[in-house]
């Protein structure tokens, strides 16, 4: 599995807490006859200690659970609410720091994905795959700004969903491994994971001053108002007005469909040999090509059939080329040491007493987001002015894709109040600027 750790430069002293605190309550509704309120069973698990009172946490969870139970009763009487879930887990986020809350969002994305992976391993040997379905309610009661003003919460949720939806656009090392696997293997054994996140809020539907002004202008242009439509919209908004700001995760995992025959062969036979149309296999090759380095020279060897054809060079040139290639691929230094040495020698104005290095070995986008925002929270709560996050196994081939990841982080930061003082920069072996080509990928977060 992947792991993350923090390593400080030898001259740096700093104490920070990376972990978040969570309170989890599992609620499962027992089977019961129709139109009868079912009994509830619960178990509670506490993680770490927090300055937040346990009674406050318990109150937030039970209030939300009671609100959901009341809506279930209304649904059983005929008032349908799509946001009511009979079987759900409740998690209370005890952090009030913005960056740690965002990190917790992506932690739940990661844990949902891992839950599907565990389920896939358990059912992989059976003849009939059992689909995975789960729901999670993340309650966020201790951030006053989120509780008091819905547009802020709405903007944050939309930014996180947008960042999550773009993860397939990144040429991660894991993605490229999957593309190569699909090109070489006839069957795809990876489960598909779909996670949908919606949100609830005590003031759901509250509008910003800009939105109110825009609606006033639109109402002036309208000749008449549909009263029934207004009542319907008000009732729809009320169904999403929970006691506290809450995020609802809908997790779905499905087994891959068996492939009896290659899609490319079927399409190719139907179109004929002279047809040059693009096939799915061509798309996979294009994705693999786009993930390759754009600045590092390709190897001198190319494949031709089963034989290896080497470019015609002199013996001395071949000898030194082999040495150069081995230097690129073999090193006795760890990724952390490579990053520290390069930053020390190439970053001007580095304040070594206020800089920290962290390392993650993750290959997954959700875990990279979680790690990044945990570092931002650490940075805001310490005397440090910069964090250098070393990510050797995340996006090591494409500097452009690694830069895109930093832009996605920036878009989420823009949705958080008070994050204008945070700046991002990337160092990468494939960076389009030669002066920023570090031996390993590094995402830099700086505080003004």
Foldseek 3Di string as FASTA:
>chain_A
DWDWWWFFDPQADWDFDLDFWKKKKWWAFDDDDQLDQTDIDIDIDGDDDDPDDPVVQVVQQVQQVVVLSVVVNVVSVPPDDPVRDNGAMEMEGPDQDPLLVQLVVLVVVVVLVVVLVVQCVVCVPPPDRDKDKYKYKYFYAPHVVVQPDPVLVVLLVVLSVVLVVCQLVFLWLVNLVQLVCVLVDVDDFDKDKDKDKDKAHQPQPDDDPVVVVVVVVVVVVDPDDDPVVVVVVVVNNVSRNGPGIMMMIIMIIDGDDDDPDHPVVVVDVVVDPPDPDDDPNNVSVVSSVQLAFPPDDDDQWDDDPPDIDGDDDDPVVVVVSVVVVCVLPDDPDDLQVLQVVLCVVQPPPDDSHQEIEIEIADQGLSNVSSSVSSVVVRSVVISHFKYKYFYQRHRQGYPVSVVVSVVSSVSSLVSDPPSPQKDKDWAHCRDPDPSRHGSTIIIMIGGD
